[in-house]
């Protein structure tokens, strides 16, 4: 390991940490040295953290020390939070910036040791660049981001399970999902899903009299928190009498459908709880009132924007936010080739772009007059 400076001058010391799952590779680069130090590896546990801090204190005694690490999903959070709590200055760097940084080399080797040295070199070269250190508020935003990622996972799974249930009901009560347009109940359940849990075959309905079915349907609506309508009961009976079932009524198919229904309802309840938790986390952030007042932003898209965008104060200009979201036009001109239009760069979070797309879709559907964003879209289209 390089010798520590014995002079009393304060020098810049950049610490590059390449974070992996379960361990990290560390390299020091002191201003004035020709190259970063030989990297070493630490485990993501308390002994590894204490070993790293002893190394950091040795360099910190003779210089101004900054720690740089790549934003690697969730793997960097434990180490960054622990170092920040212990009084070290930590910076998390966008992976795109590090990928585009090659120093003075034309080669692009890829190992943990080389990446740690590259991050340390990046810290020295961009030492004077204004950037915001890692803070505990970032951990809260990361928690919100993980929560909304879970929300997307559950909703995607729910779509898959719902399509599976539709395939099953096509065999016993085809078209049952088109009978209802009611909003979800307080548990997040869908009316047609709960309906097939009770009336899983058209024979369960058409073998009853109209009066008997109407009375039972009324009690069912009251029990599950749905609105009852006599006209709807008649529509259901008329549908059941005309429907052509592909499979006969049997206990085997009943059990299969009810298992599918229970799986969907569990997912819907989980989605409902996750949505509440997302809003609870988002409400603790300072930008929550401003974001939620924006036209088109809802209880899902609002927390997604806050979680994916992070602390907006780290952006100096609006164009930086546009670039971070990946919705800025990709400039590509070469010689006489100068296209009139270009695609978006799509660099960054796809979840953030999806939330923005949903908000713009809502605006285009509602056409809010006097809204500056909608007026801008109309102007661009014209």
Protein backbone atom coordinates (compact mmCIF):
# COMPACT_ATOMS: atom_id res chain seq x y z
CA UNK A 1 0.00 0.00 0.00
CA UNK A 2 1.20 3.50 -0.82
CA UNK A 3 2.85 5.37 2.04
CA UNK A 4 0.81 8.01 3.77
CA UNK A 5 1.97 11.59 3.33
CA UNK A 6 3.94 12.96 6.25
CA UNK A 7 3.47 16.58 5.28
CA UNK A 8 0.92 18.77 6.98
CA UNK A 9 -0.68 19.99 3.73
CA UNK A 10 -4.31 19.09 3.21
CA UNK A 11 -4.61 16.99 0.08
CA UNK A 12 -7.63 15.58 -1.69
CA UNK A 13 -8.24 11.89 -1.16
CA UNK A 14 -10.87 10.16 -3.30
CA UNK A 15 -12.13 6.76 -2.19
CA UNK A 16 -13.69 4.67 -4.95
CA UNK A 17 -15.96 1.82 -3.86
CA UNK A 18 -17.28 -0.67 -6.38
CA UNK A 19 -20.31 -2.19 -4.67
CA UNK A 20 -21.42 -5.77 -5.24
CA UNK A 21 -23.85 -8.04 -3.45
CA UNK A 22 -22.31 -8.99 -0.12
CA UNK A 23 -18.94 -7.31 -0.65
CA UNK A 24 -17.23 -4.22 -2.08
CA UNK A 25 -13.88 -3.41 -3.66
CA UNK A 26 -12.13 -0.26 -2.40
CA UNK A 27 -9.37 1.90 -3.88
CA UNK A 28 -7.80 5.16 -2.64
CA UNK A 29 -6.56 7.91 -4.94
CA UNK A 30 -4.63 10.76 -3.34
CA UNK A 31 -4.11 13.98 -5.25
CA UNK A 32 -0.59 14.09 -6.64
CA UNK A 33 -0.17 10.33 -6.97
CA UNK A 34 0.22 8.80 -10.41
CA UNK A 35 -2.50 6.20 -9.99
CA UNK A 36 -4.97 4.87 -7.43
CA UNK A 37 -3.85 2.44 -4.74
CA UNK A 38 -4.08 -1.31 -5.05
CA UNK A 39 -7.72 -2.27 -4.41
CA UNK A 40 -8.82 -4.48 -1.53
CA UNK A 41 -12.12 -6.19 -0.75
CA UNK A 42 -14.37 -5.88 2.31
CA UNK A 43 -17.45 -7.83 3.26
CA UNK A 44 -20.75 -6.10 3.95
CA UNK A 45 -20.75 -6.78 7.68
CA UNK A 46 -19.65 -4.95 10.83
CA UNK A 47 -16.05 -6.30 10.84
CA UNK A 48 -15.69 -5.26 7.20
CA UNK A 49 -17.08 -1.79 7.96
CA UNK A 50 -14.72 -1.28 10.90
CA UNK A 51 -11.73 -2.41 8.82
CA UNK A 52 -12.66 0.09 6.10
CA UNK A 53 -13.11 2.93 8.59
CA UNK A 54 -9.64 2.32 10.04
CA UNK A 55 -8.22 2.70 6.52
CA UNK A 56 -10.31 5.82 5.95
CA UNK A 57 -9.12 7.42 9.18
CA UNK A 58 -5.47 6.93 8.17
CA UNK A 59 -6.00 8.89 4.96
CA UNK A 60 -8.38 11.39 6.56
CA UNK A 61 -5.70 12.45 9.03
CA UNK A 62 -3.61 13.88 6.19
CA UNK A 63 -6.22 15.13 3.75
CA UNK A 64 -9.79 15.94 2.82
CA UNK A 65 -11.47 12.62 2.18
CA UNK A 66 -14.53 11.91 0.03
CA UNK A 67 -16.12 8.57 -0.70
CA UNK A 68 -17.62 7.84 -4.12
CA UNK A 69 -19.71 4.82 -4.97
CA UNK A 70 -22.01 3.79 -7.79
CA UNK A 71 -25.80 3.67 -7.30
CA UNK A 72 -26.24 -0.08 -7.62
CA UNK A 73 -29.91 -0.64 -6.95
CA UNK A 74 -30.17 -1.39 -3.25
CA UNK A 75 -26.74 -2.92 -2.64
CA UNK A 76 -24.96 0.36 -1.87
CA UNK A 77 -27.49 1.61 0.69
CA UNK A 78 -26.23 -0.30 3.73
CA UNK A 79 -22.62 0.77 3.28
CA UNK A 80 -23.50 4.36 2.31
CA UNK A 81 -25.85 4.80 5.26
CA UNK A 82 -23.37 3.38 7.77
CA UNK A 83 -20.49 5.54 6.53
CA UNK A 84 -22.68 8.64 6.46
CA UNK A 85 -23.84 8.01 10.05
CA UNK A 86 -20.22 7.66 11.16
CA UNK A 87 -19.37 11.12 9.83
CA UNK A 88 -17.85 10.42 6.41
CA UNK A 89 -18.77 12.37 3.28
CA UNK A 90 -20.35 9.98 0.80
CA UNK A 91 -21.36 10.64 -2.80
CA UNK A 92 -23.43 8.25 -4.88
CA UNK A 93 -22.80 8.58 -8.62
CA UNK A 94 -25.16 7.76 -11.47
CA UNK A 95 -23.95 4.57 -13.24
CA UNK A 96 -24.27 6.28 -16.63
CA UNK A 97 -21.67 8.90 -15.65
CA UNK A 98 -19.22 6.23 -14.53
CA UNK A 99 -19.83 4.13 -17.64
CA UNK A 100 -18.95 7.09 -19.85
CA UNK A 101 -15.80 7.90 -17.82
CA UNK A 102 -12.64 6.17 -19.01
CA UNK A 103 -9.91 8.52 -17.78
CA UNK A 104 -6.88 8.53 -20.04
CA UNK A 105 -7.31 4.97 -21.26
CA UNK A 106 -8.71 3.84 -24.59
CA UNK A 107 -9.23 0.35 -23.20
CA UNK A 108 -12.43 -0.64 -21.43
CA UNK A 109 -11.58 -3.55 -19.12
CA UNK A 110 -14.26 -4.61 -16.64
CA UNK A 111 -13.29 -6.03 -13.22
CA UNK A 112 -14.20 -5.04 -9.69
CA UNK A 113 -10.66 -3.81 -8.99
CA UNK A 114 -10.49 -1.71 -12.14
CA UNK A 115 -13.96 -0.30 -11.49
CA UNK A 116 -12.96 0.74 -7.95
CA UNK A 117 -9.88 2.52 -9.32
CA UNK A 118 -11.96 4.18 -12.01
CA UNK A 119 -14.44 5.47 -9.44
CA UNK A 120 -11.57 6.84 -7.35
CA UNK A 121 -10.11 8.56 -10.45
CA UNK A 122 -13.55 9.97 -11.25
CA UNK A 123 -13.72 11.49 -7.78
CA UNK A 124 -10.39 13.30 -8.22
CA UNK A 125 -11.17 14.56 -11.72
CA UNK A 126 -14.63 15.87 -10.78
CA UNK A 127 -13.75 16.95 -7.25
CA UNK A 128 -14.84 20.54 -7.82
CA UNK A 129 -18.13 19.58 -9.49
CA UNK A 130 -21.06 20.61 -7.34
CA UNK A 131 -22.97 17.58 -6.15
CA UNK A 132 -25.12 16.72 -3.17
CA UNK A 133 -23.75 14.27 -0.58
CA UNK A 134 -25.69 11.18 0.40
CA UNK A 135 -28.08 11.79 3.30
CA UNK A 136 -30.52 9.77 5.37
CA UNK A 137 -33.44 11.37 3.53
CA UNK A 138 -32.18 9.46 0.51
CA UNK A 139 -32.80 6.24 2.44
CA UNK A 140 -36.43 7.25 2.92
CA UNK A 141 -36.74 7.90 -0.80
CA UNK A 142 -35.06 4.59 -1.56
CA UNK A 143 -37.59 2.88 0.70
CA UNK A 144 -40.37 4.59 -1.24
CA UNK A 145 -38.79 3.46 -4.51
CA UNK A 146 -38.63 -0.15 -3.31
CA UNK A 147 -42.24 0.06 -2.17
CA UNK A 148 -43.49 1.29 -5.55
CA UNK A 149 -41.39 -1.34 -7.32
CA UNK A 150 -43.17 -3.94 -5.20
CA UNK A 151 -46.48 -2.32 -6.15
CA UNK A 152 -45.66 -2.76 -9.84
CA UNK A 153 -44.64 -6.39 -9.24
CA UNK A 154 -47.92 -7.16 -7.51
CA UNK A 155 -50.01 -5.41 -10.18
CA UNK A 156 -48.20 -7.30 -12.95
CA UNK A 157 -48.80 -10.57 -11.13
CA UNK A 158 -52.45 -9.63 -10.64
CA UNK A 159 -52.86 -9.09 -14.39
CA UNK A 160 -51.41 -12.55 -15.04
CA UNK A 161 -53.69 -14.20 -12.48
CA UNK A 162 -56.71 -12.28 -13.79
CA UNK A 163 -56.08 -13.45 -17.34
CA UNK A 164 -55.83 -16.99 -16.01
CA UNK A 165 -59.21 -16.64 -14.28
CA UNK A 166 -60.74 -15.29 -17.49
CA UNK A 167 -59.56 -18.42 -19.28
CA UNK A 168 -61.22 -20.58 -16.64
CA UNK A 169 -64.51 -18.66 -16.66
CA UNK A 170 -64.67 -18.94 -20.46
CA UNK A 171 -65.33 -22.63 -19.81
CA UNK A 172 -68.11 -22.19 -17.26
CA UNK A 173 -69.56 -18.65 -17.53
CA UNK A 174 -68.16 -16.93 -20.64
CA UNK A 175 -68.32 -13.14 -20.67
CA UNK A 176 -69.04 -12.77 -16.95
CA UNK A 177 -66.38 -10.05 -16.56
CA UNK A 178 -68.27 -7.81 -19.02
CA UNK A 179 -71.38 -7.76 -16.86
CA UNK A 180 -69.97 -5.44 -14.18
CA UNK A 181 -68.41 -1.99 -14.26
CA UNK A 182 -68.47 -1.23 -10.52
CA UNK A 183 -65.44 0.23 -8.78
CA UNK A 184 -63.44 -2.02 -6.42
CA UNK A 185 -64.85 -2.35 -2.91
CA UNK A 186 -63.06 -1.20 0.24
CA UNK A 187 -60.78 -4.26 0.18
CA UNK A 188 -59.80 -3.62 -3.43
CA UNK A 189 -61.74 -6.63 -4.71
CA UNK A 190 -63.27 -6.62 -8.18
CA UNK A 191 -66.99 -7.36 -8.39
CA UNK A 192 -66.83 -9.90 -11.19
CA UNK A 193 -64.05 -11.82 -9.42
CA UNK A 194 -66.07 -12.07 -6.21
CA UNK A 195 -69.16 -12.93 -8.26
CA UNK A 196 -67.62 -16.04 -9.87
CA UNK A 197 -66.48 -17.20 -6.45
CA UNK A 198 -70.17 -17.70 -5.61
CA UNK A 199 -71.74 -18.22 -9.06
CA UNK A 200 -68.89 -20.04 -10.78
CA UNK A 201 -71.12 -21.72 -13.43
CA UNK A 202 -74.08 -20.39 -15.42
CA UNK A 203 -76.14 -23.35 -14.17
CA UNK A 204 -75.81 -21.92 -10.66
CA UNK A 205 -77.95 -18.99 -11.86
CA UNK A 206 -80.35 -20.21 -14.53
CA UNK A 207 -81.66 -23.07 -12.40
CA UNK A 208 -82.98 -20.49 -9.91
CA UNK A 209 -86.13 -18.43 -10.30
CA UNK A 210 -85.73 -14.73 -11.03
CA UNK A 211 -87.10 -13.75 -7.63
CA UNK A 212 -84.87 -16.19 -5.75
CA UNK A 213 -81.75 -15.05 -7.60
CA UNK A 214 -82.59 -11.38 -7.13
CA UNK A 215 -82.99 -11.83 -3.37
CA UNK A 216 -79.77 -13.78 -3.06
CA UNK A 217 -77.88 -11.35 -5.29
CA UNK A 218 -79.12 -8.44 -3.14
CA UNK A 219 -77.82 -10.09 0.04
CA UNK A 220 -74.53 -10.89 -1.70
CA UNK A 221 -74.04 -7.24 -2.73
CA UNK A 222 -74.70 -6.04 0.82
CA UNK A 223 -72.24 -8.58 2.26
CA UNK A 224 -69.41 -7.70 -0.13
CA UNK A 225 -69.96 -3.93 -0.25
CA UNK A 226 -71.29 -3.59 -3.81
CA UNK A 227 -74.20 -1.59 -5.16
CA UNK A 228 -77.36 -3.60 -5.85
CA UNK A 229 -79.63 -2.99 -8.84
CA UNK A 230 -82.76 -4.93 -9.77
CA UNK A 231 -82.07 -4.22 -13.43
CA UNK A 232 -78.59 -5.66 -13.10
CA UNK A 233 -80.04 -8.84 -11.56
CA UNK A 234 -82.28 -9.22 -14.58
CA UNK A 235 -79.36 -8.62 -16.94
CA UNK A 236 -77.37 -11.35 -15.20
CA UNK A 237 -80.28 -13.80 -15.44
CA UNK A 238 -80.77 -13.06 -19.14
CA UNK A 239 -77.06 -13.55 -19.76
CA UNK A 240 -77.01 -16.86 -17.86
CA UNK A 241 -79.91 -18.25 -19.88
CA UNK A 242 -78.17 -17.47 -23.16
CA UNK A 243 -74.58 -18.41 -22.19
CA UNK A 244 -73.03 -21.58 -23.62
CA UNK A 245 -70.75 -23.32 -21.12
CA UNK A 246 -67.91 -25.48 -22.45
CA UNK A 247 -67.65 -27.62 -19.33
CA UNK A 248 -70.41 -29.21 -17.22
CA UNK A 249 -71.00 -28.17 -13.64
CA UNK A 250 -68.73 -30.18 -11.33
CA UNK A 251 -67.03 -29.81 -7.96
CA UNK A 252 -63.59 -30.17 -9.59
CA UNK A 253 -63.92 -27.09 -11.78
CA UNK A 254 -65.56 -25.21 -8.89
CA UNK A 255 -62.53 -25.81 -6.68
CA UNK A 256 -60.17 -24.77 -9.48
CA UNK A 257 -62.00 -21.46 -10.02
CA UNK A 258 -62.24 -20.67 -6.32
CA UNK A 259 -58.52 -21.24 -5.83
CA UNK A 260 -57.84 -18.78 -8.67
CA UNK A 261 -60.26 -16.26 -7.14
CA UNK A 262 -58.61 -16.48 -3.72
CA UNK A 263 -55.19 -15.90 -5.28
CA UNK A 264 -56.41 -12.76 -7.07
CA UNK A 265 -58.14 -11.39 -3.96
CA UNK A 266 -55.00 -11.86 -1.88
CA UNK A 267 -53.02 -9.95 -4.49
CA UNK A 268 -55.64 -7.19 -4.66
CA UNK A 269 -55.55 -6.79 -0.87
CA UNK A 270 -51.74 -6.68 -0.97
CA UNK A 271 -51.86 -4.03 -3.71
CA UNK A 272 -54.28 -1.99 -1.61
CA UNK A 273 -52.02 -2.17 1.47
CA UNK A 274 -48.93 -1.35 -0.61
CA UNK A 275 -50.66 1.69 -2.10
CA UNK A 276 -51.50 2.99 1.38
CA UNK A 277 -47.92 2.41 2.52
CA UNK A 278 -46.58 4.24 -0.55
CA UNK A 279 -48.65 7.31 0.28
CA UNK A 280 -47.67 7.13 3.94
CA UNK A 281 -43.98 7.14 3.01
CA UNK A 282 -44.42 9.85 0.38
CA UNK A 283 -46.30 12.11 2.81
CA UNK A 284 -43.14 12.32 4.94
CA UNK A 285 -41.20 13.98 2.10
CA UNK A 286 -41.10 17.80 1.84
CA UNK A 287 -42.19 17.83 -1.82
CA UNK A 288 -45.34 15.76 -1.19
CA UNK A 289 -47.86 18.68 -1.07
CA UNK A 290 -46.48 20.22 -4.26
CA UNK A 291 -46.42 16.98 -6.27
CA UNK A 292 -49.89 15.84 -5.18
CA UNK A 293 -51.42 19.19 -6.20
CA UNK A 294 -50.20 18.80 -9.77
CA UNK A 295 -52.99 18.19 -12.27
CA UNK A 296 -53.24 14.55 -13.29
CA UNK A 297 -51.15 13.22 -10.40
CA UNK A 298 -52.88 10.52 -8.34
CA UNK A 299 -52.22 8.41 -5.27
CA UNK A 300 -50.11 6.00 -7.34
CA UNK A 301 -48.31 8.20 -9.85
CA UNK A 302 -47.41 10.81 -7.21
CA UNK A 303 -45.38 8.48 -4.95
CA UNK A 304 -43.80 6.86 -8.03
CA UNK A 305 -42.54 10.24 -9.26
CA UNK A 306 -41.17 11.16 -5.83
CA UNK A 307 -39.50 7.78 -5.34
CA UNK A 308 -37.93 7.53 -8.79
CA UNK A 309 -36.93 11.18 -9.11
CA UNK A 310 -35.41 11.47 -5.65
CA UNK A 311 -34.49 14.84 -4.15
CA UNK A 312 -35.31 17.35 -6.88
CA UNK A 313 -33.13 20.03 -5.25
CA UNK A 314 -30.02 18.28 -6.59
CA UNK A 315 -30.99 19.37 -10.11
CA UNK A 316 -29.88 22.90 -11.03
CA UNK A 317 -32.03 23.18 -14.18
CA UNK A 318 -35.24 21.74 -15.56
CA UNK A 319 -33.34 20.26 -18.47
CA UNK A 320 -31.40 18.09 -16.02
CA UNK A 321 -34.65 16.57 -14.74
CA UNK A 322 -35.74 15.94 -18.33
CA UNK A 323 -32.45 14.18 -19.07
CA UNK A 324 -32.63 12.17 -15.83
CA UNK A 325 -36.08 10.90 -16.79
CA UNK A 326 -34.83 10.00 -20.28
CA UNK A 327 -37.50 12.00 -22.10
CA UNK A 328 -35.07 14.42 -23.73
CA UNK A 329 -34.56 14.14 -27.52
CA UNK A 330 -31.49 12.21 -28.61
CA UNK A 331 -29.38 14.47 -30.80
CA UNK A 332 -27.78 12.64 -33.69
CA UNK A 333 -26.24 14.70 -36.47
CA UNK A 334 -23.43 13.57 -38.70
CA UNK A 335 -22.23 15.42 -41.78
CA UNK A 336 -25.19 16.25 -44.01
CA UNK A 337 -27.48 13.95 -42.01
CA UNK A 338 -29.57 16.30 -39.88
CA UNK A 339 -32.92 14.68 -39.02
CA UNK A 340 -35.88 16.93 -38.24
CA UNK A 341 -37.00 14.79 -35.32
CA UNK A 342 -35.37 12.27 -33.03
CA UNK A 343 -36.33 9.67 -30.46
CA UNK A 344 -36.16 10.12 -26.69
CA UNK A 345 -32.94 8.94 -25.05
CA UNK A 346 -34.86 6.73 -22.56
CA UNK A 347 -31.91 6.79 -20.17
CA UNK A 348 -33.01 6.36 -16.58
CA UNK A 349 -35.97 4.87 -14.79
CA UNK A 350 -38.65 3.31 -17.02
CA UNK A 351 -41.04 3.46 -14.03
CA UNK A 352 -40.68 7.25 -13.94
CA UNK A 353 -41.39 7.55 -17.68
CA UNK A 354 -44.41 5.27 -17.30
CA UNK A 355 -45.84 7.46 -14.51
CA UNK A 356 -45.31 10.59 -16.62
CA UNK A 357 -47.00 8.87 -19.56
CA UNK A 358 -50.04 8.02 -17.43
CA UNK A 359 -50.31 11.64 -16.28
CA UNK A 360 -50.12 12.97 -19.83
CA UNK A 361 -52.67 10.39 -21.00
CA UNK A 362 -55.03 11.63 -18.30
CA UNK A 363 -54.55 15.22 -19.42
CA UNK A 364 -55.24 14.37 -23.05
CA UNK A 365 -58.42 12.54 -22.06
CA UNK A 366 -59.74 15.32 -19.80
CA UNK A 367 -58.48 18.30 -21.86
CA UNK A 368 -58.16 20.70 -18.91
CA UNK A 369 -58.56 24.19 -20.35
CA UNK A 370 -56.08 26.71 -19.00
CA UNK A 371 -53.61 24.03 -17.90
CA UNK A 372 -50.15 25.12 -19.03
CA UNK A 373 -48.90 21.59 -19.67
CA UNK A 374 -51.94 20.67 -21.77
CA UNK A 375 -51.76 23.97 -23.68
CA UNK A 376 -48.09 23.25 -24.40
CA UNK A 377 -48.97 19.80 -25.79
CA UNK A 378 -51.67 21.31 -28.04
CA UNK A 379 -49.21 23.96 -29.24
CA UNK A 380 -46.63 21.28 -30.10
CA UNK A 381 -49.18 19.20 -31.96
CA UNK A 382 -50.35 22.19 -33.97
